[in-house]
N, C-alpha and C. Protein backbone atom coordinates (compact mmCIF):
# COMPACT_ATOMS: atom_id res chain seq x y z
N MET A 1 1.20 -1.49 0.08
CA MET A 1 -0.70 -0.37 -0.01
C MET A 1 0.71 1.28 -0.03
N LYS A 2 0.42 2.95 -0.72
CA LYS A 2 1.35 3.41 -0.95
C LYS A 2 0.22 4.94 -0.13
N ILE A 3 0.72 5.76 0.84
CA ILE A 3 0.43 7.22 1.09
C ILE A 3 1.03 7.88 -0.10
N ASP A 4 0.25 8.82 -0.31
CA ASP A 4 1.26 9.89 -0.96
C ASP A 4 0.38 11.24 -0.20
N PHE A 5 1.78 12.35 0.22
CA PHE A 5 1.44 13.16 0.35
C PHE A 5 2.00 14.36 -0.23
N TYR A 6 1.43 15.47 -1.43
CA TYR A 6 1.57 16.57 -1.59
C TYR A 6 1.73 17.94 -0.63
N GLY A 7 3.48 18.40 -1.25
CA GLY A 7 3.27 20.10 -0.53
C GLY A 7 4.27 20.43 -0.85
N MET A 8 4.27 21.80 -0.96
CA MET A 8 5.23 23.02 -1.35
C MET A 8 6.84 22.42 -1.39
N ILE A 9 7.73 22.66 -1.62
CA ILE A 9 9.13 22.84 -1.09
C ILE A 9 9.88 23.78 -1.11
N PRO A 10 10.20 23.44 0.07
CA PRO A 10 11.48 24.41 0.26
C PRO A 10 12.45 25.04 -0.43
N SER A 11 11.90 26.87 -1.16
CA SER A 11 12.92 27.22 -1.94
C SER A 11 12.52 27.04 -3.24
N TYR A 12 11.52 26.40 -3.38
CA TYR A 12 11.04 26.26 -4.75
C TYR A 12 9.33 26.33 -4.80
N LEU A 13 9.10 26.86 -6.42
CA LEU A 13 7.43 27.44 -6.98
C LEU A 13 6.63 26.61 -6.71
N TYR A 14 6.75 25.07 -7.27
CA TYR A 14 6.01 23.62 -7.56
C TYR A 14 5.56 22.67 -6.42
N LYS A 15 4.62 21.85 -6.36
CA LYS A 15 4.80 20.87 -5.33
C LYS A 15 5.30 20.04 -4.94
N ASN A 16 5.55 19.64 -4.12
CA ASN A 16 6.35 17.78 -4.35
C ASN A 16 5.68 17.07 -4.17
N CYS A 17 5.99 15.99 -4.83
CA CYS A 17 4.93 13.94 -3.82
C CYS A 17 6.21 13.56 -3.21
N THR A 18 5.68 13.26 -1.05
CA THR A 18 6.76 12.38 -0.77
C THR A 18 6.30 10.94 -0.16
N SER A 19 6.57 9.72 -1.25
CA SER A 19 5.41 9.15 -0.42
C SER A 19 6.59 7.67 0.06
N ILE A 20 5.22 6.71 0.90
CA ILE A 20 5.26 6.74 1.86
C ILE A 20 4.86 4.26 1.57
N PHE A 21 6.00 3.82 1.67
CA PHE A 21 4.83 2.58 1.12
C PHE A 21 5.21 1.83 2.06
N PHE A 22 3.64 1.07 2.59
CA PHE A 22 3.87 -0.80 3.73
C PHE A 22 3.99 -1.60 2.92
N LYS A 23 4.48 -2.45 3.39
CA LYS A 23 4.36 -3.83 3.68
C LYS A 23 3.10 -4.33 4.39
N ASP A 24 2.85 -4.48 5.51
CA ASP A 24 1.74 -4.68 6.54
C ASP A 24 1.25 -3.24 6.53
N VAL A 25 -0.25 -4.49 5.82
CA VAL A 25 -1.13 -3.48 5.64
C VAL A 25 -1.90 -3.40 6.93
N SER A 26 -1.35 -4.31 7.33
CA SER A 26 -2.50 -3.46 9.33
C SER A 26 -1.81 -2.85 10.28
N LEU A 27 -0.89 -2.25 10.27
CA LEU A 27 -0.59 -1.20 10.91
C LEU A 27 -2.16 0.07 10.24
N LEU A 28 -2.43 0.02 9.63
CA LEU A 28 -3.38 1.13 9.08
C LEU A 28 -4.42 0.81 9.70
N SER A 29 -4.60 -0.41 9.80
CA SER A 29 -5.66 -0.80 9.20
C SER A 29 -6.10 -0.59 11.18
N ARG A 30 -5.61 -0.13 11.85
CA ARG A 30 -5.48 -1.16 13.67
C ARG A 30 -7.19 -0.11 14.02
N GLY A 31 -6.67 1.37 14.26
CA GLY A 31 -8.31 2.14 14.15
C GLY A 31 -7.71 2.86 15.48
N ASP A 32 -6.58 2.71 16.15
CA ASP A 32 -6.22 3.80 17.62
C ASP A 32 -5.61 4.92 17.21
N LEU A 33 -6.95 5.58 17.86
CA LEU A 33 -5.74 6.86 17.30
C LEU A 33 -4.22 7.34 18.03
N PRO A 34 -3.94 8.34 17.83
CA PRO A 34 -2.52 8.77 18.32
C PRO A 34 -2.70 9.62 20.03
N SER A 35 -4.63 10.20 19.99
CA SER A 35 -4.39 10.42 21.81
C SER A 35 -4.98 9.35 23.19
N GLU A 36 -4.81 7.77 21.89
CA GLU A 36 -5.36 6.68 22.53
C GLU A 36 -4.09 5.81 23.09
N LYS A 37 -3.39 5.54 22.63
CA LYS A 37 -1.62 4.66 22.86
C LYS A 37 -1.72 5.09 24.02
N ARG A 38 -1.24 4.02 25.14
CA ARG A 38 0.27 4.62 26.08
C ARG A 38 1.38 4.47 25.84
N SER A 39 2.46 5.65 26.79
CA SER A 39 3.59 5.43 26.69
C SER A 39 3.96 4.82 27.22
N CYS A 40 5.37 4.56 27.94
CA CYS A 40 6.03 4.30 28.39
C CYS A 40 6.32 5.15 28.89
N LEU A 41 6.48 6.55 28.75
CA LEU A 41 6.82 7.74 28.78
C LEU A 41 6.27 8.65 30.24
N GLY A 42 5.09 8.24 29.75
CA GLY A 42 3.55 8.61 30.66
C GLY A 42 2.83 9.60 29.39
N ARG A 43 1.94 10.21 30.29
CA ARG A 43 0.67 11.07 29.62
C ARG A 43 0.59 11.78 28.39
N SER A 44 0.36 11.76 27.22
CA SER A 44 0.75 13.25 26.61
C SER A 44 0.09 14.26 27.63
N CYS A 45 0.28 15.46 26.54
CA CYS A 45 -0.19 16.95 26.79
C CYS A 45 -1.69 16.69 25.93
N PHE A 46 -1.91 16.52 24.64
CA PHE A 46 -3.30 16.42 24.85
C PHE A 46 -3.88 15.26 25.93
N GLN A 47 -3.90 13.96 26.55
CA GLN A 47 -4.32 12.95 27.01
C GLN A 47 -4.63 13.86 28.89
N ILE A 48 -3.53 14.93 28.82
CA ILE A 48 -3.13 14.92 30.21
C ILE A 48 -4.78 16.95 30.11
N THR A 49 -4.69 17.12 28.89
CA THR A 49 -5.46 18.75 28.88
C THR A 49 -6.46 18.32 28.62
N SER A 50 -7.36 16.94 28.02
CA SER A 50 -8.17 16.74 27.77
C SER A 50 -9.37 16.33 28.74
N PRO A 51 -10.41 16.71 28.35
CA PRO A 51 -11.53 16.09 29.98
C PRO A 51 -12.26 14.47 29.54
N VAL A 52 -12.63 14.75 28.14
CA VAL A 52 -13.01 13.38 27.58
C VAL A 52 -12.20 12.32 27.80
N ILE A 53 -11.20 11.94 28.02
CA ILE A 53 -10.41 10.46 27.06
C ILE A 53 -9.83 10.66 28.24
N ALA A 54 -9.99 9.47 29.16
CA ALA A 54 -9.81 9.47 30.57
C ALA A 54 -8.84 8.15 31.02
N ILE A 55 -7.67 8.35 31.34
CA ILE A 55 -6.57 6.88 31.69
C ILE A 55 -6.03 6.47 32.59
């Protein structure tokens, strides 16, 4: 699977494309939001300030 990212290039007047290729598509279909993930470093700033998500 391939995901393309289009955007401006620094110092140029035209857009460019960067592509990311995935061998394992299951990484894309897990459905977890980054704000719902647990880290060994503790809670993120979003998790601390968001009243909706409780960990």
